[in-house]
């Protein structure tokens, strides 16, 4: 066989380098997404371990959800 079989030209070398860089970036992005998923899974698991009474607390936005005018008023 020829000794030049594995010799690659400048264009091929640059193309393989670019592909490698894209795959490296995709790997970093996948690791980041998996890390976020793991953090959210841990938060969900901790929430599942809490007692049921802690999940039935009143809304912290109660003051925002109240009507602006009292019932029986001309504005209500």
N, C-alpha and C. Protein backbone atom coordinates (compact mmCIF):
# COMPACT_ATOMS: atom_id res chain seq x y z
N UNK A 1 0.83 -1.19 0.00
CA UNK A 1 0.00 0.00 0.00
C UNK A 1 0.87 1.25 0.00
N UNK A 2 0.21 2.33 -0.22
CA UNK A 2 0.92 3.59 -0.31
C UNK A 2 1.17 4.16 1.09
N UNK A 3 2.28 4.79 1.28
CA UNK A 3 2.59 5.44 2.55
C UNK A 3 1.83 6.75 2.71
N UNK A 4 1.24 7.23 1.64
CA UNK A 4 0.53 8.51 1.68
C UNK A 4 -0.95 8.33 2.04
N UNK A 5 -1.34 7.13 2.40
CA UNK A 5 -2.76 6.87 2.66
C UNK A 5 -3.28 7.69 3.84
N UNK A 6 -2.48 7.81 4.90
CA UNK A 6 -2.92 8.54 6.08
C UNK A 6 -2.46 9.99 6.09
N UNK A 7 -1.76 10.42 5.09
CA UNK A 7 -1.36 11.82 5.01
C UNK A 7 -2.57 12.66 4.60
N UNK A 8 -2.83 13.67 5.35
CA UNK A 8 -3.97 14.54 5.01
C UNK A 8 -3.45 15.91 4.65
N UNK A 9 -4.15 16.53 3.77
CA UNK A 9 -3.75 17.85 3.32
C UNK A 9 -4.15 18.93 4.33
N UNK A 10 -3.86 20.16 3.98
CA UNK A 10 -4.14 21.28 4.87
C UNK A 10 -5.65 21.46 5.06
N UNK A 11 -6.44 21.31 4.00
CA UNK A 11 -7.89 21.48 4.11
C UNK A 11 -8.51 20.40 4.99
N UNK A 12 -8.08 19.18 4.80
CA UNK A 12 -8.63 18.09 5.61
C UNK A 12 -8.24 18.27 7.07
N UNK A 13 -7.02 18.68 7.32
CA UNK A 13 -6.56 18.89 8.68
C UNK A 13 -7.38 19.99 9.35
N UNK A 14 -7.63 21.07 8.65
CA UNK A 14 -8.43 22.17 9.19
C UNK A 14 -9.88 21.74 9.41
N UNK A 15 -10.40 20.93 8.52
CA UNK A 15 -11.78 20.45 8.67
C UNK A 15 -11.90 19.55 9.89
N UNK A 16 -10.94 18.66 10.10
CA UNK A 16 -10.97 17.78 11.27
C UNK A 16 -10.80 18.57 12.56
N UNK A 17 -9.96 19.59 12.53
CA UNK A 17 -9.79 20.45 13.71
C UNK A 17 -11.10 21.16 14.03
N UNK A 18 -11.76 21.73 13.00
CA UNK A 18 -13.03 22.42 13.21
C UNK A 18 -14.11 21.48 13.73
N UNK A 19 -14.17 20.28 13.18
CA UNK A 19 -15.14 19.30 13.66
C UNK A 19 -14.86 18.93 15.12
N UNK A 20 -13.59 18.78 15.44
CA UNK A 20 -13.22 18.48 16.83
C UNK A 20 -13.63 19.58 17.78
N UNK A 21 -13.45 20.83 17.36
CA UNK A 21 -13.85 21.96 18.21
C UNK A 21 -15.36 22.01 18.39
N UNK A 22 -16.10 21.72 17.34
CA UNK A 22 -17.56 21.71 17.46
C UNK A 22 -18.02 20.58 18.38
N UNK A 23 -17.40 19.43 18.27
CA UNK A 23 -17.76 18.31 19.14
C UNK A 23 -17.39 18.61 20.59
N UNK A 24 -16.29 19.29 20.80
CA UNK A 24 -15.89 19.69 22.14
C UNK A 24 -16.92 20.65 22.74
N UNK A 25 -17.36 21.62 21.96
CA UNK A 25 -18.39 22.55 22.43
C UNK A 25 -19.71 21.87 22.70
N UNK A 26 -20.07 20.91 21.85
CA UNK A 26 -21.30 20.15 22.07
C UNK A 26 -21.20 19.33 23.35
N UNK A 27 -20.04 18.80 23.63
CA UNK A 27 -19.83 18.05 24.86
C UNK A 27 -19.96 18.93 26.09
N UNK A 28 -19.38 20.14 26.02
CA UNK A 28 -19.52 21.09 27.13
C UNK A 28 -20.99 21.47 27.33
N UNK A 29 -21.70 21.71 26.25
CA UNK A 29 -23.12 22.07 26.36
C UNK A 29 -23.93 20.93 26.95
N UNK A 30 -23.65 19.70 26.53
CA UNK A 30 -24.36 18.55 27.08
C UNK A 30 -24.07 18.39 28.57
N UNK A 31 -22.82 18.58 28.97
CA UNK A 31 -22.47 18.49 30.39
C UNK A 31 -23.20 19.56 31.20
N UNK A 32 -23.31 20.77 30.65
CA UNK A 32 -24.00 21.87 31.33
C UNK A 32 -25.48 21.56 31.49
N UNK A 33 -26.11 21.05 30.44
CA UNK A 33 -27.55 20.71 30.51
C UNK A 33 -27.78 19.57 31.50
N UNK A 34 -26.91 18.59 31.50
CA UNK A 34 -27.04 17.48 32.44
C UNK A 34 -26.86 17.96 33.87
N UNK A 35 -25.92 18.88 34.09
CA UNK A 35 -25.71 19.43 35.43
C UNK A 35 -26.94 20.18 35.92
N UNK A 36 -27.55 20.97 35.05
CA UNK A 36 -28.77 21.68 35.43
C UNK A 36 -29.88 20.68 35.74
N UNK A 37 -30.00 19.64 34.94
CA UNK A 37 -31.00 18.60 35.19
C UNK A 37 -30.79 17.91 36.53
N UNK A 38 -29.53 17.64 36.87
CA UNK A 38 -29.24 17.01 38.15
C UNK A 38 -29.60 17.92 39.32
N UNK A 39 -29.29 19.20 39.20
CA UNK A 39 -29.65 20.15 40.26
C UNK A 39 -31.16 20.22 40.43
N UNK A 40 -31.89 20.30 39.34
CA UNK A 40 -33.35 20.35 39.43
C UNK A 40 -33.92 19.05 39.99
N UNK A 41 -33.32 17.92 39.66
CA UNK A 41 -33.77 16.64 40.21
C UNK A 41 -33.55 16.58 41.71
N UNK A 42 -32.42 17.10 42.17
CA UNK A 42 -32.15 17.12 43.61
C UNK A 42 -33.15 18.03 44.32
N UNK A 43 -33.44 19.19 43.76
CA UNK A 43 -34.41 20.10 44.37
C UNK A 43 -35.79 19.43 44.41
N UNK A 44 -36.18 18.76 43.35
CA UNK A 44 -37.46 18.06 43.32
C UNK A 44 -37.50 16.96 44.37
N UNK A 45 -36.40 16.18 44.49
CA UNK A 45 -36.36 15.08 45.46
C UNK A 45 -36.46 15.60 46.88
N UNK A 46 -35.79 16.70 47.18
CA UNK A 46 -35.89 17.29 48.51
C UNK A 46 -37.31 17.76 48.76
N UNK A 47 -37.96 18.34 47.75
CA UNK A 47 -39.35 18.77 47.89
C UNK A 47 -40.29 17.61 48.14
N UNK A 48 -40.00 16.46 47.56
CA UNK A 48 -40.84 15.28 47.78
C UNK A 48 -40.68 14.72 49.19
N UNK A 49 -39.54 14.96 49.82
CA UNK A 49 -39.31 14.47 51.17
C UNK A 49 -39.93 15.36 52.25
N UNK A 50 -40.34 16.56 51.89
CA UNK A 50 -40.94 17.47 52.87
C UNK A 50 -42.31 16.96 53.28
N UNK A 51 -42.75 17.30 54.50
CA UNK A 51 -44.09 16.87 54.92
C UNK A 51 -45.18 17.57 54.11
N UNK A 52 -46.34 16.95 54.06
CA UNK A 52 -47.45 17.47 53.24
C UNK A 52 -47.92 18.84 53.74
N UNK A 53 -47.82 19.10 55.05
CA UNK A 53 -48.28 20.38 55.59
C UNK A 53 -47.45 21.55 55.04
N UNK A 54 -46.20 21.30 54.74
CA UNK A 54 -45.37 22.38 54.21
C UNK A 54 -45.76 22.76 52.78
N UNK A 55 -46.46 21.86 52.10
CA UNK A 55 -46.86 22.13 50.72
C UNK A 55 -48.22 22.81 50.65
N UNK A 56 -48.89 22.98 51.79
CA UNK A 56 -50.23 23.57 51.81
C UNK A 56 -50.23 24.95 52.43
N UNK A 57 -49.14 25.64 52.40
CA UNK A 57 -49.04 26.98 52.96
C UNK A 57 -49.81 27.96 52.07
N UNK A 58 -50.28 29.06 52.65
CA UNK A 58 -50.97 30.06 51.83
C UNK A 58 -50.00 30.70 50.84
N UNK A 59 -50.56 31.24 49.79
CA UNK A 59 -49.75 31.86 48.76
C UNK A 59 -49.01 33.07 49.31
N UNK A 60 -47.74 33.24 48.98
CA UNK A 60 -47.03 34.43 49.43
C UNK A 60 -47.47 35.69 48.68
N UNK A 61 -48.28 35.49 47.65
CA UNK A 61 -48.76 36.62 46.86
C UNK A 61 -50.19 36.99 47.25
N UNK A 62 -50.60 36.66 48.45
CA UNK A 62 -51.97 36.91 48.89
C UNK A 62 -52.35 38.38 48.82
N UNK A 63 -51.43 39.27 49.15
CA UNK A 63 -51.74 40.70 49.12
C UNK A 63 -51.97 41.17 47.68
N UNK A 64 -51.32 40.54 46.73
CA UNK A 64 -51.49 40.93 45.34
C UNK A 64 -52.77 40.37 44.74
N UNK A 65 -53.28 39.28 45.32
CA UNK A 65 -54.46 38.62 44.77
C UNK A 65 -55.76 39.15 45.36
N UNK A 66 -55.68 40.02 46.35
CA UNK A 66 -56.89 40.57 46.96
C UNK A 66 -57.52 41.56 46.00
N UNK A 67 -58.85 41.66 46.05
CA UNK A 67 -59.51 42.66 45.20
C UNK A 67 -59.12 44.08 45.63
N UNK A 68 -59.13 44.99 44.69
CA UNK A 68 -58.73 46.36 44.99
C UNK A 68 -59.78 47.09 45.82
N UNK A 69 -61.04 46.78 45.63
CA UNK A 69 -62.11 47.45 46.38
C UNK A 69 -62.90 46.41 47.15
N UNK A 70 -63.43 46.81 48.30
CA UNK A 70 -64.22 45.89 49.12
C UNK A 70 -65.53 45.59 48.44
N UNK A 71 -66.11 44.40 48.74
CA UNK A 71 -67.38 44.02 48.16
C UNK A 71 -68.48 44.98 48.66
N UNK A 72 -69.45 45.23 47.83
CA UNK A 72 -70.53 46.16 48.20
C UNK A 72 -70.18 47.61 47.91
N UNK A 73 -69.03 47.84 47.40
CA UNK A 73 -68.60 49.19 47.05
C UNK A 73 -69.02 49.47 45.61
N UNK A 74 -69.14 50.70 45.24
CA UNK A 74 -69.51 51.07 43.88
C UNK A 74 -68.44 50.65 42.86
N UNK A 75 -67.23 50.49 43.34
CA UNK A 75 -66.13 50.16 42.42
C UNK A 75 -65.99 48.66 42.19
N UNK A 76 -66.62 47.84 43.02
CA UNK A 76 -66.43 46.40 42.93
C UNK A 76 -67.34 45.81 41.87
